[in-house]
N, C-alpha and C. Protein backbone atom coordinates (compact mmCIF):
# COMPACT_ATOMS: atom_id res chain seq x y z
N MET A 1 10.28 13.88 92.72
CA MET A 1 11.11 13.77 93.07
C MET A 1 11.67 13.89 94.77
N GLU A 2 12.14 12.83 95.44
CA GLU A 2 11.91 12.92 97.02
C GLU A 2 12.87 14.00 97.43
N ASN A 3 12.71 14.38 98.48
CA ASN A 3 13.65 15.20 98.63
C ASN A 3 14.78 14.82 100.10
N GLN A 4 15.95 14.84 99.88
CA GLN A 4 16.92 14.20 100.80
C GLN A 4 17.64 14.71 101.69
N ARG A 5 17.10 15.95 102.03
CA ARG A 5 17.68 16.15 103.34
C ARG A 5 16.12 16.19 104.14
N CYS A 6 15.76 15.21 104.28
CA CYS A 6 14.71 14.36 105.54
C CYS A 6 14.92 13.07 105.91
N PHE A 7 14.27 12.85 106.44
CA PHE A 7 14.35 11.38 107.07
C PHE A 7 12.73 11.04 107.26
N ALA A 8 12.41 10.10 106.71
CA ALA A 8 10.67 9.43 106.88
C ALA A 8 10.72 9.20 108.31
N ASN A 9 9.75 9.63 108.99
CA ASN A 9 9.12 9.34 110.48
C ASN A 9 8.70 8.01 110.54
N ARG A 10 9.21 6.61 111.38
CA ARG A 10 8.70 5.50 111.35
C ARG A 10 7.92 5.61 112.52
N PHE A 11 7.98 6.57 113.33
CA PHE A 11 6.98 6.15 114.77
C PHE A 11 5.61 6.96 114.04
N ASP A 12 4.59 6.11 115.10
CA ASP A 12 3.19 6.75 114.89
C ASP A 12 3.02 8.04 115.96
N ASP A 13 1.73 8.78 115.26
CA ASP A 13 1.63 9.82 115.73
C ASP A 13 1.15 9.68 117.31
N TYR A 14 1.37 10.59 118.04
CA TYR A 14 1.01 10.40 119.57
C TYR A 14 -0.49 10.76 119.57
N PRO A 15 -1.31 9.80 120.22
CA PRO A 15 -2.78 9.95 119.82
C PRO A 15 -3.36 11.30 120.67
N GLY A 16 -2.77 11.37 121.59
CA GLY A 16 -3.07 12.13 122.73
C GLY A 16 -3.97 12.15 123.84
N SER A 17 -4.33 10.52 124.19
CA SER A 17 -4.87 10.39 125.62
C SER A 17 -3.88 10.03 126.68
N PRO A 18 -4.42 10.48 127.46
CA PRO A 18 -3.18 10.02 129.19
C PRO A 18 -3.32 8.71 128.88
N ALA A 19 -4.01 7.90 128.52
CA ALA A 19 -3.47 6.30 128.67
C ALA A 19 -1.83 5.89 127.58
N ALA A 20 -2.03 6.60 127.07
CA ALA A 20 -0.66 6.74 125.87
C ALA A 20 0.47 7.39 126.49
N ALA A 21 -0.06 8.45 127.18
CA ALA A 21 1.50 9.58 127.15
C ALA A 21 2.52 8.58 128.20
N PRO A 22 3.65 8.77 127.89
CA PRO A 22 4.94 8.24 128.47
C PRO A 22 4.96 8.53 129.65
N ASP A 23 5.75 7.83 130.35
CA ASP A 23 5.85 7.97 132.21
C ASP A 23 6.90 8.47 132.27
N ARG A 24 6.51 9.54 132.44
CA ARG A 24 7.46 10.72 133.10
C ARG A 24 8.35 10.52 134.12
N GLU A 25 8.21 9.97 134.69
CA GLU A 25 9.03 9.29 135.89
C GLU A 25 9.74 8.41 136.02
N ALA A 26 9.66 7.36 134.82
CA ALA A 26 10.39 6.62 134.59
C ALA A 26 11.83 7.14 132.98
N ALA A 27 11.31 8.25 132.86
CA ALA A 27 12.84 9.30 131.79
C ALA A 27 13.44 9.44 132.75
N VAL A 28 13.21 10.04 133.77
CA VAL A 28 14.57 10.96 134.72
C VAL A 28 15.24 10.16 134.80
N PRO A 29 15.62 8.89 135.50
CA PRO A 29 16.89 8.25 135.48
C PRO A 29 17.85 8.61 133.62
N LEU A 30 17.16 8.23 132.89
CA LEU A 30 17.27 8.18 131.47
C LEU A 30 17.94 9.68 131.16
N VAL A 31 17.43 10.72 131.47
CA VAL A 31 18.00 11.94 131.56
C VAL A 31 19.06 12.31 132.02
N THR A 32 18.96 11.68 134.09
CA THR A 32 20.20 12.28 134.57
C THR A 32 21.41 11.26 133.90
N ALA A 33 20.88 10.50 133.58
CA ALA A 33 22.31 9.43 133.31
C ALA A 33 22.88 10.71 131.64
N THR A 34 22.10 10.61 130.88
CA THR A 34 22.32 11.46 129.53
C THR A 34 22.96 12.90 130.22
N ILE A 35 22.57 13.52 131.32
CA ILE A 35 23.16 14.76 131.25
C ILE A 35 24.66 14.25 131.87
N GLU A 36 24.85 13.53 132.78
CA GLU A 36 26.32 13.12 133.60
C GLU A 36 26.94 12.83 132.49
N ARG A 37 26.32 12.31 131.38
CA ARG A 37 27.92 11.68 130.26
C ARG A 37 27.93 13.15 129.10
N ILE A 38 27.02 13.85 128.97
CA ILE A 38 27.24 15.09 128.67
C ILE A 38 28.63 16.23 129.66
N LEU A 39 28.01 16.38 130.61
CA LEU A 39 28.85 16.66 131.73
C LEU A 39 30.22 16.34 131.77
N ARG A 40 30.44 14.72 131.35
CA ARG A 40 31.79 14.20 131.63
C ARG A 40 32.48 14.82 130.58
N GLU A 41 31.67 14.31 129.11
CA GLU A 41 32.18 14.64 128.34
C GLU A 41 32.59 16.23 127.30
N LEU A 42 32.52 16.73 128.28
CA LEU A 42 32.82 18.74 127.89
C LEU A 42 33.86 18.68 127.42
N PRO A 43 34.11 19.38 126.30
CA PRO A 43 35.74 19.68 126.52
C PRO A 43 36.28 20.73 127.16
N PRO A 44 37.63 20.98 127.51
CA PRO A 44 38.03 22.00 128.66
C PRO A 44 37.62 22.94 128.46
N LEU A 45 37.11 23.55 129.31
CA LEU A 45 36.20 25.23 129.02
C LEU A 45 37.54 26.10 129.02
N GLY A 46 38.30 25.92 129.42
CA GLY A 46 39.21 27.07 129.61
C GLY A 46 39.95 27.20 128.12
N GLY A 47 40.04 25.75 127.48
CA GLY A 47 40.64 25.47 126.17
C GLY A 47 40.32 26.80 125.22
N PRO A 48 41.44 27.07 124.40
CA PRO A 48 41.64 27.78 123.36
C PRO A 48 40.07 27.51 122.14
N ARG A 49 39.59 26.55 122.18
CA ARG A 49 38.21 25.98 121.34
C ARG A 49 37.35 25.50 122.30
N GLY A 50 37.04 25.66 123.40
CA GLY A 50 36.38 25.21 124.34
C GLY A 50 34.96 25.41 124.68
N CYS A 51 34.92 26.79 123.61
CA CYS A 51 33.42 27.80 124.39
C CYS A 51 33.25 28.32 122.62
N GLN A 52 33.72 27.65 121.85
CA GLN A 52 33.28 28.46 120.33
C GLN A 52 31.73 27.90 120.36
N GLY A 53 30.66 28.26 119.09
CA GLY A 53 29.80 27.63 118.84
C GLY A 53 28.48 28.57 119.39
N GLY A 54 28.59 28.39 120.25
CA GLY A 54 27.43 29.83 120.67
C GLY A 54 26.04 28.44 121.26
N LEU A 55 25.18 28.52 120.89
CA LEU A 55 24.08 27.62 121.55
C LEU A 55 23.95 26.31 120.92
N TYR A 56 23.96 26.38 119.28
CA TYR A 56 23.43 25.21 118.95
C TYR A 56 24.94 24.37 118.24
N SER A 57 26.06 24.72 118.41
CA SER A 57 27.04 23.48 118.09
C SER A 57 28.19 23.85 119.05
N GLY A 58 27.75 24.48 120.42
CA GLY A 58 29.09 25.10 121.16
C GLY A 58 28.43 24.93 122.74
N VAL A 59 29.45 24.56 123.67
CA VAL A 59 28.91 24.08 125.00
C VAL A 59 28.09 24.96 125.76
N ALA A 60 27.64 26.52 124.96
CA ALA A 60 26.66 27.13 126.02
C ALA A 60 25.33 26.32 125.37
N GLY A 61 25.12 25.40 124.60
CA GLY A 61 24.04 25.15 124.54
C GLY A 61 23.69 23.80 125.45
N VAL A 62 25.12 23.31 126.44
CA VAL A 62 24.79 22.20 127.29
C VAL A 62 23.95 23.52 128.51
N ALA A 63 24.58 24.63 128.94
CA ALA A 63 24.16 25.63 129.80
C ALA A 63 22.95 25.64 129.46
N TYR A 64 22.38 25.88 128.45
CA TYR A 64 20.97 26.04 128.04
C TYR A 64 20.16 24.90 128.10
N MET A 65 20.54 24.13 127.77
CA MET A 65 19.96 22.28 128.26
C MET A 65 19.67 22.40 129.84
N LEU A 66 20.95 22.54 130.58
CA LEU A 66 20.83 22.67 131.87
C LEU A 66 19.77 23.51 132.67
N TYR A 67 19.96 24.75 132.25
CA TYR A 67 18.52 25.39 132.70
C TYR A 67 17.45 25.02 132.76
N HIS A 68 17.37 24.25 131.24
CA HIS A 68 15.79 24.17 130.99
C HIS A 68 15.70 23.03 131.64
N VAL A 69 16.42 21.93 131.85
CA VAL A 69 16.48 21.07 132.78
C VAL A 69 15.90 20.80 134.50
N ALA A 70 16.60 22.41 134.50
CA ALA A 70 16.19 22.51 136.51
C ALA A 70 15.39 23.21 136.09
N GLN A 71 14.70 24.05 135.40
CA GLN A 71 12.96 24.24 135.75
C GLN A 71 11.79 23.26 135.80
N CYS A 72 12.42 22.15 134.91
CA CYS A 72 11.39 21.10 135.40
C CYS A 72 11.19 20.26 136.78
N PRO A 73 9.89 20.53 137.11
CA PRO A 73 9.59 20.09 138.36
C PRO A 73 10.15 18.74 138.86
N LEU A 74 10.66 17.65 137.75
CA LEU A 74 10.71 16.25 137.92
C LEU A 74 12.39 15.96 138.70
N PHE A 75 12.68 17.14 138.19
CA PHE A 75 14.37 17.40 138.63
C PHE A 75 14.54 18.19 139.61
N ALA A 76 13.52 18.36 140.43
CA ALA A 76 13.76 19.49 141.50
C ALA A 76 14.67 19.52 142.42
N PRO A 77 15.04 18.17 142.83
CA PRO A 77 16.47 17.14 143.70
C PRO A 77 17.61 17.75 143.19
N SER A 78 17.79 17.97 141.97
CA SER A 78 19.03 18.50 141.28
C SER A 78 19.09 19.76 140.32
N ARG A 79 17.89 20.28 140.65
CA ARG A 79 17.86 22.21 140.45
C ARG A 79 19.24 22.80 140.73
N GLU A 80 19.70 22.28 141.83
CA GLU A 80 20.73 23.98 142.12
C GLU A 80 21.90 23.20 141.62
N ALA A 81 21.96 21.72 141.82
CA ALA A 81 23.57 21.29 141.11
C ALA A 81 23.29 21.56 139.66
N TYR A 82 22.52 21.98 138.70
CA TYR A 82 22.09 22.26 137.60
C TYR A 82 22.72 23.26 137.05
N LEU A 83 21.93 24.10 137.62
CA LEU A 83 22.20 25.51 137.55
C LEU A 83 23.47 26.28 137.93
N ARG A 84 24.33 25.14 138.59
CA ARG A 84 25.65 25.86 139.34
C ARG A 84 26.78 25.40 138.29
N ALA A 85 25.94 23.84 137.56
CA ALA A 85 26.70 23.43 136.25
C ALA A 85 26.85 24.19 135.32
N ALA A 86 25.60 24.83 135.13
CA ALA A 86 25.02 25.83 134.34
C ALA A 86 25.94 27.35 133.84
N ARG A 87 25.98 27.20 135.34
CA ARG A 87 26.85 28.53 135.33
C ARG A 87 28.27 28.32 135.20
N ARG A 88 28.80 27.57 135.52
CA ARG A 88 30.19 27.12 135.23
C ARG A 88 30.74 27.08 133.40
N VAL A 89 29.59 26.62 133.23
CA VAL A 89 29.99 26.63 131.28
C VAL A 89 29.94 27.98 130.89
N VAL A 90 28.46 28.50 131.20
CA VAL A 90 28.15 29.69 130.86
C VAL A 90 29.28 30.78 131.04
N ASP A 91 29.90 30.76 132.64
CA ASP A 91 31.03 32.03 132.49
C ASP A 91 32.08 31.74 131.67
N ALA A 92 32.73 30.69 131.50
CA ALA A 92 33.39 30.31 130.42
C ALA A 92 33.84 30.86 129.22
N CYS A 93 32.01 30.47 128.45
CA CYS A 93 31.50 31.17 127.48
C CYS A 93 31.72 32.69 127.73
N LEU A 94 31.31 33.16 128.71
CA LEU A 94 31.24 34.61 128.77
C LEU A 94 32.92 35.24 128.58
N ARG A 95 33.91 34.34 129.00
CA ARG A 95 35.05 34.71 129.00
C ARG A 95 35.24 34.50 127.82
N TYR A 96 35.16 33.53 126.94
CA TYR A 96 36.01 33.35 125.62
C TYR A 96 34.86 34.96 124.68
N GLN A 97 33.76 35.13 125.00
CA GLN A 97 32.80 36.52 123.92
C GLN A 97 33.64 37.57 124.22
N GLU A 98 33.73 37.60 125.75
CA GLU A 98 34.39 38.77 125.99
C GLU A 98 35.81 39.47 125.56
N GLY A 99 36.79 38.32 125.60
CA GLY A 99 38.13 38.08 125.27
C GLY A 99 38.03 38.11 123.75
N GLY A 100 37.09 38.12 122.85
CA GLY A 100 37.77 38.62 121.62
C GLY A 100 37.37 36.89 121.01
N GLY A 101 36.30 36.23 121.42
CA GLY A 101 36.84 34.69 120.86
C GLY A 101 35.59 34.63 119.69
N GLU A 102 34.60 35.81 119.35
CA GLU A 102 33.81 35.66 118.42
C GLU A 102 34.59 36.02 117.29
N ALA A 103 34.94 35.22 116.16
CA ALA A 103 35.13 35.38 115.17
C ALA A 103 35.03 36.23 114.16
N ASP A 104 33.83 36.09 113.77
CA ASP A 104 32.78 36.81 112.82
C ASP A 104 32.13 37.91 113.64
N ALA A 105 32.37 39.09 113.18
CA ALA A 105 31.71 40.39 114.46
C ALA A 105 29.97 40.33 113.80
N ASP A 106 29.88 39.76 112.40
CA ASP A 106 28.54 40.35 112.44
C ASP A 106 27.93 39.40 112.44
N THR A 107 28.21 37.80 113.57
CA THR A 107 27.22 37.20 113.98
C THR A 107 27.30 37.28 115.47
N ARG A 108 27.65 38.49 115.97
CA ARG A 108 27.41 38.55 117.39
C ARG A 108 26.15 38.33 117.82
N ALA A 109 25.62 39.46 117.18
CA ALA A 109 23.65 39.14 117.63
C ALA A 109 23.34 37.81 117.46
N ALA A 110 23.74 36.79 116.84
CA ALA A 110 23.28 35.37 116.58
C ALA A 110 22.72 34.90 118.10
N PHE A 111 21.33 34.64 118.30
CA PHE A 111 21.18 33.89 119.05
C PHE A 111 21.51 32.29 119.01
N LEU A 112 21.32 31.76 118.36
CA LEU A 112 22.08 30.22 117.87
C LEU A 112 23.20 29.84 117.85
N LEU A 113 23.62 31.09 117.05
CA LEU A 113 24.96 30.46 117.01
C LEU A 113 26.24 31.43 117.07
N GLY A 114 26.06 32.53 117.91
CA GLY A 114 26.71 33.76 118.26
C GLY A 114 26.65 34.12 119.80
N GLY A 115 27.19 35.36 120.31
CA GLY A 115 27.27 35.89 121.20
C GLY A 115 26.17 36.03 122.26
N ALA A 116 24.98 36.92 121.27
CA ALA A 116 23.43 37.22 122.41
C ALA A 116 22.59 35.92 122.33
N GLY A 117 23.20 34.45 122.16
CA GLY A 117 22.75 33.35 122.84
C GLY A 117 23.15 33.30 123.94
N VAL A 118 24.74 33.29 123.73
CA VAL A 118 26.03 33.59 125.37
C VAL A 118 25.25 34.17 126.36
N TYR A 119 24.68 35.59 125.73
CA TYR A 119 24.54 36.48 126.99
C TYR A 119 23.09 36.06 127.43
N ALA A 120 22.04 35.79 126.65
CA ALA A 120 20.93 35.60 126.92
C ALA A 120 20.80 34.16 127.97
N VAL A 121 21.66 33.33 127.70
CA VAL A 121 21.56 32.01 128.74
C VAL A 121 22.24 32.56 129.97
N ALA A 122 22.90 33.38 129.97
CA ALA A 122 24.17 33.83 131.12
C ALA A 122 22.64 34.72 132.10
N ALA A 123 22.06 35.41 131.60
CA ALA A 123 21.12 36.33 132.32
C ALA A 123 20.27 35.59 132.90
N LEU A 124 19.72 33.94 132.27
CA LEU A 124 18.84 33.05 132.22
C LEU A 124 19.40 32.57 133.98
N VAL A 125 20.35 31.99 133.64
CA VAL A 125 20.97 31.26 134.75
C VAL A 125 21.20 31.74 135.61
N TYR A 126 21.92 33.09 135.52
CA TYR A 126 21.97 34.12 136.94
C TYR A 126 20.86 34.64 137.85
N ARG A 127 19.73 34.26 136.82
CA ARG A 127 18.89 35.54 137.40
C ARG A 127 18.06 33.50 138.23
N ALA A 128 18.01 32.56 137.42
CA ALA A 128 17.69 31.53 138.44
C ALA A 128 18.38 30.81 139.31
N LEU A 129 19.63 31.51 139.37
CA LEU A 129 20.78 31.51 140.86
C LEU A 129 19.97 32.67 142.10
N GLY A 130 19.34 33.55 141.62
CA GLY A 130 18.98 34.76 142.30
C GLY A 130 20.32 35.61 142.59
N LEU A 131 20.80 35.59 141.30
CA LEU A 131 22.29 36.38 141.44
C LEU A 131 21.45 37.66 140.46
N PRO A 132 22.48 38.78 141.47
CA PRO A 132 22.10 40.15 141.08
C PRO A 132 22.61 40.52 139.80
N ASP A 133 24.06 40.00 139.14
CA ASP A 133 24.73 40.11 138.14
C ASP A 133 24.14 39.58 136.76
N PHE A 134 22.77 39.15 136.96
CA PHE A 134 22.15 38.65 135.71
C PHE A 134 21.74 40.21 134.92
N ALA A 135 22.16 41.19 135.27
CA ALA A 135 21.92 42.43 134.62
C ALA A 135 23.23 42.80 133.86
N ARG A 136 24.00 42.41 134.02
CA ARG A 136 25.34 42.70 133.45
C ARG A 136 25.07 41.78 131.86
N PRO A 137 24.85 40.30 131.62
CA PRO A 137 24.85 39.85 130.92
C PRO A 137 23.64 40.28 129.65
N LEU A 138 22.33 40.85 130.47
CA LEU A 138 21.59 41.21 129.73
C LEU A 138 21.54 42.49 129.11
N GLY A 139 22.31 43.51 130.12
CA GLY A 139 22.92 44.53 129.08
C GLY A 139 23.71 44.59 127.80
N LYS A 140 24.77 43.62 127.83
CA LYS A 140 25.27 42.79 126.60
C LYS A 140 24.56 42.50 125.89
N PHE A 141 23.50 41.99 125.61
CA PHE A 141 22.39 41.78 124.76
C PHE A 141 21.42 42.44 124.05
N ARG A 142 21.00 43.73 125.20
CA ARG A 142 20.44 44.70 124.60
C ARG A 142 21.75 45.56 123.63
N GLU A 143 23.15 45.40 123.97
CA GLU A 143 23.78 46.55 123.18
C GLU A 143 23.94 45.46 121.97
N LEU A 144 23.90 44.47 121.89
CA LEU A 144 23.82 43.75 120.26
C LEU A 144 23.01 43.96 119.60
N SER A 145 21.45 44.54 119.73
CA SER A 145 20.63 44.64 118.91
C SER A 145 20.97 45.72 117.90
N GLU A 146 22.16 46.78 118.06
CA GLU A 146 22.54 48.21 117.09
C GLU A 146 23.23 47.08 115.87
N VAL A 147 23.75 45.69 116.51
CA VAL A 147 24.54 44.72 114.97
C VAL A 147 22.83 44.32 114.11
N CYS A 148 21.95 44.36 114.89
CA CYS A 148 21.08 43.62 113.70
C CYS A 148 19.96 44.55 112.76
N THR A 149 20.15 46.38 113.22
CA THR A 149 19.22 47.45 112.92
C THR A 149 19.84 47.76 111.51
N PRO A 150 20.87 47.77 110.75
CA PRO A 150 20.98 47.78 109.37
C PRO A 150 20.22 46.59 108.81
N LEU A 151 19.49 47.46 107.72
CA LEU A 151 19.13 46.63 107.09
C LEU A 151 19.40 45.33 106.02
N SER A 152 20.97 45.63 105.69
CA SER A 152 21.71 44.42 105.27
C SER A 152 22.31 44.09 106.01
N PHE A 153 23.01 43.72 107.26
CA PHE A 153 24.08 43.54 108.28
C PHE A 153 24.68 42.02 107.81
N LEU A 154 23.70 40.74 107.05
CA LEU A 154 24.84 39.87 106.90
C LEU A 154 24.71 39.36 105.33
N GLU A 155 25.67 39.06 104.83
CA GLU A 155 25.32 38.46 103.26
C GLU A 155 24.40 37.67 103.59
N CYS A 156 24.42 36.42 104.24
CA CYS A 156 23.95 35.00 104.64
C CYS A 156 22.46 35.87 104.55
N GLY A 157 21.99 36.86 104.94
CA GLY A 157 20.49 36.43 105.13
C GLY A 157 20.27 37.36 106.68
N SER A 158 20.13 38.89 106.80
CA SER A 158 19.61 39.53 108.01
C SER A 158 18.79 39.28 108.56
N ASP A 159 17.84 38.65 108.04
CA ASP A 159 16.42 38.10 109.01
C ASP A 159 16.14 36.75 108.94
N GLU A 160 17.50 35.92 109.25
CA GLU A 160 17.53 34.24 109.40
C GLU A 160 17.59 34.25 110.60
N LEU A 161 16.82 33.14 110.84
CA LEU A 161 17.15 32.48 112.19
C LEU A 161 18.59 32.60 113.10
N PHE A 162 19.32 31.61 112.54
CA PHE A 162 20.20 30.77 113.10
C PHE A 162 21.43 32.50 113.22
N VAL A 163 21.49 33.07 112.65
CA VAL A 163 22.33 34.86 112.86
C VAL A 163 21.77 35.31 112.28
N GLY A 164 20.57 36.07 111.93
CA GLY A 164 19.88 37.32 111.86
C GLY A 164 19.00 37.57 113.12
N ARG A 165 18.43 38.64 112.59
CA ARG A 165 17.46 39.43 113.65
C ARG A 165 16.27 38.55 113.87
N ALA A 166 16.11 37.78 113.73
CA ALA A 166 15.20 36.75 113.68
C ALA A 166 15.51 36.18 114.66
N GLY A 167 16.42 35.57 114.70
CA GLY A 167 17.51 34.89 116.10
C GLY A 167 17.29 35.70 117.45
N TYR A 168 17.83 36.77 116.83
CA TYR A 168 18.06 37.79 118.01
C TYR A 168 16.36 38.14 118.99
N LEU A 169 15.73 38.31 118.08
CA LEU A 169 14.25 38.61 118.13
C LEU A 169 13.48 37.38 119.20
N CYS A 170 13.88 36.23 118.31
CA CYS A 170 13.72 34.72 119.48
C CYS A 170 14.24 34.85 121.06
N ALA A 171 15.72 35.34 121.12
CA ALA A 171 16.35 35.67 122.13
C ALA A 171 15.40 36.69 122.50
N ALA A 172 15.24 37.68 122.41
CA ALA A 172 14.57 38.69 123.41
C ALA A 172 12.98 38.03 123.79
N LEU A 173 12.93 37.13 122.99
CA LEU A 173 10.99 37.08 123.47
C LEU A 173 11.54 36.11 124.84
N VAL A 174 12.08 35.12 124.53
CA VAL A 174 12.73 33.78 125.45
C VAL A 174 12.93 34.71 126.89
N LEU A 175 13.64 35.96 126.59
CA LEU A 175 13.99 36.73 128.22
C LEU A 175 13.03 37.16 128.40
N LYS A 176 11.82 37.45 127.37
CA LYS A 176 10.96 38.51 128.27
C LYS A 176 9.75 37.38 128.74
N GLN A 177 9.58 36.16 128.38
CA GLN A 177 9.00 34.94 128.74
C GLN A 177 9.66 34.83 130.33
N ARG A 178 11.14 34.45 129.96
CA ARG A 178 11.72 33.90 131.60
C ARG A 178 11.87 35.13 132.55
N LEU A 179 12.13 35.89 132.12
CA LEU A 179 12.34 36.98 133.23
C LEU A 179 11.09 37.99 133.64
N GLY A 180 10.27 38.02 133.01
CA GLY A 180 9.27 38.69 132.59
C GLY A 180 9.19 40.51 132.84
N MET A 181 10.33 40.69 131.88
CA MET A 181 10.56 42.11 131.64
C MET A 181 10.56 42.46 130.31
N GLU A 182 10.32 43.39 129.94
CA GLU A 182 10.63 43.55 128.43
C GLU A 182 12.13 43.87 128.07
N ILE A 183 12.63 43.39 127.02
CA ILE A 183 13.59 43.66 126.29
C ILE A 183 13.79 44.77 125.44
N ALA A 184 14.70 45.66 126.00
CA ALA A 184 14.32 46.96 125.13
C ALA A 184 15.35 47.02 123.68
N ILE A 185 14.33 46.84 123.00
CA ILE A 185 15.15 46.70 121.45
C ILE A 185 14.37 47.37 119.93
N PHE A 186 14.21 48.86 120.75
CA PHE A 186 13.42 49.46 120.07
C PHE A 186 13.79 49.34 118.57
N ASP A 187 14.99 49.92 118.26
CA ASP A 187 15.65 50.39 117.06
C ASP A 187 15.04 48.90 116.11
N ILE A 188 15.43 47.99 116.42
CA ILE A 188 14.57 46.77 115.61
C ILE A 188 13.14 46.88 115.77
N TYR A 189 12.55 47.14 116.51
CA TYR A 189 11.19 47.43 116.06
C TYR A 189 10.74 47.90 114.90
N VAL A 190 10.97 49.03 115.36
CA VAL A 190 10.94 50.25 114.39
C VAL A 190 11.91 49.70 112.77
N PHE A 191 12.39 49.37 112.99
CA PHE A 191 13.00 48.79 111.61
C PHE A 191 12.24 47.94 110.78
N LEU A 192 11.52 47.18 111.52
CA LEU A 192 10.50 45.79 111.45
C LEU A 192 9.31 46.68 110.82
N LEU A 193 8.69 47.59 111.40
CA LEU A 193 7.50 48.22 111.38
C LEU A 193 7.69 49.12 109.85
N HIS A 194 9.20 49.29 109.63
CA HIS A 194 9.45 50.32 108.43
C HIS A 194 9.34 49.44 107.36
N LYS A 195 10.19 48.00 107.34
CA LYS A 195 10.34 47.27 106.29
C LYS A 195 8.94 46.37 106.34
N GLY A 196 7.75 46.67 106.92
CA GLY A 196 6.63 46.12 106.85
C GLY A 196 6.36 44.75 107.33
N TYR A 197 6.78 44.43 108.45
CA TYR A 197 6.78 42.69 109.34
C TYR A 197 5.69 43.31 110.07
């Protein structure tokens, strides 16, 4: 029986040869136009529902996208503009988080669907802009490790990627790689060692 949760890939595999590599410079105008369209179509950031959803289904994901594009050398001329736009978006998401916007207290530590992702992206964007304020969202991110420490803190799966500790640890790894600093989440590491991971 065929799985209905996927689709057939109708494209050839990338052969890996330099001759078959896509023309990166030709993609820049398309990417730039897509970013401009996304920014035009953002919901009002100050609105009651404008900053819900985290990275996966909310506007915080736009800030994460802008951060990543700003790191690409092909977009160096737009780097500062993209980082400033990312800051506007992530600042609104932080206000939403800190104003009690998170509906489910258990998903606060979620990287993709909760507050941990917002704090992680804020730290990345602030650091990329050279702002000393990056330590504040980083501290908020660290505090959320306490949510992930109990064995079963979520009914849907405490070790799950979207809302569980796997996602939180993924965010900690991203922060370590991008910021070059260890994120102190000792209690979760001890828990995982105790659990046998």
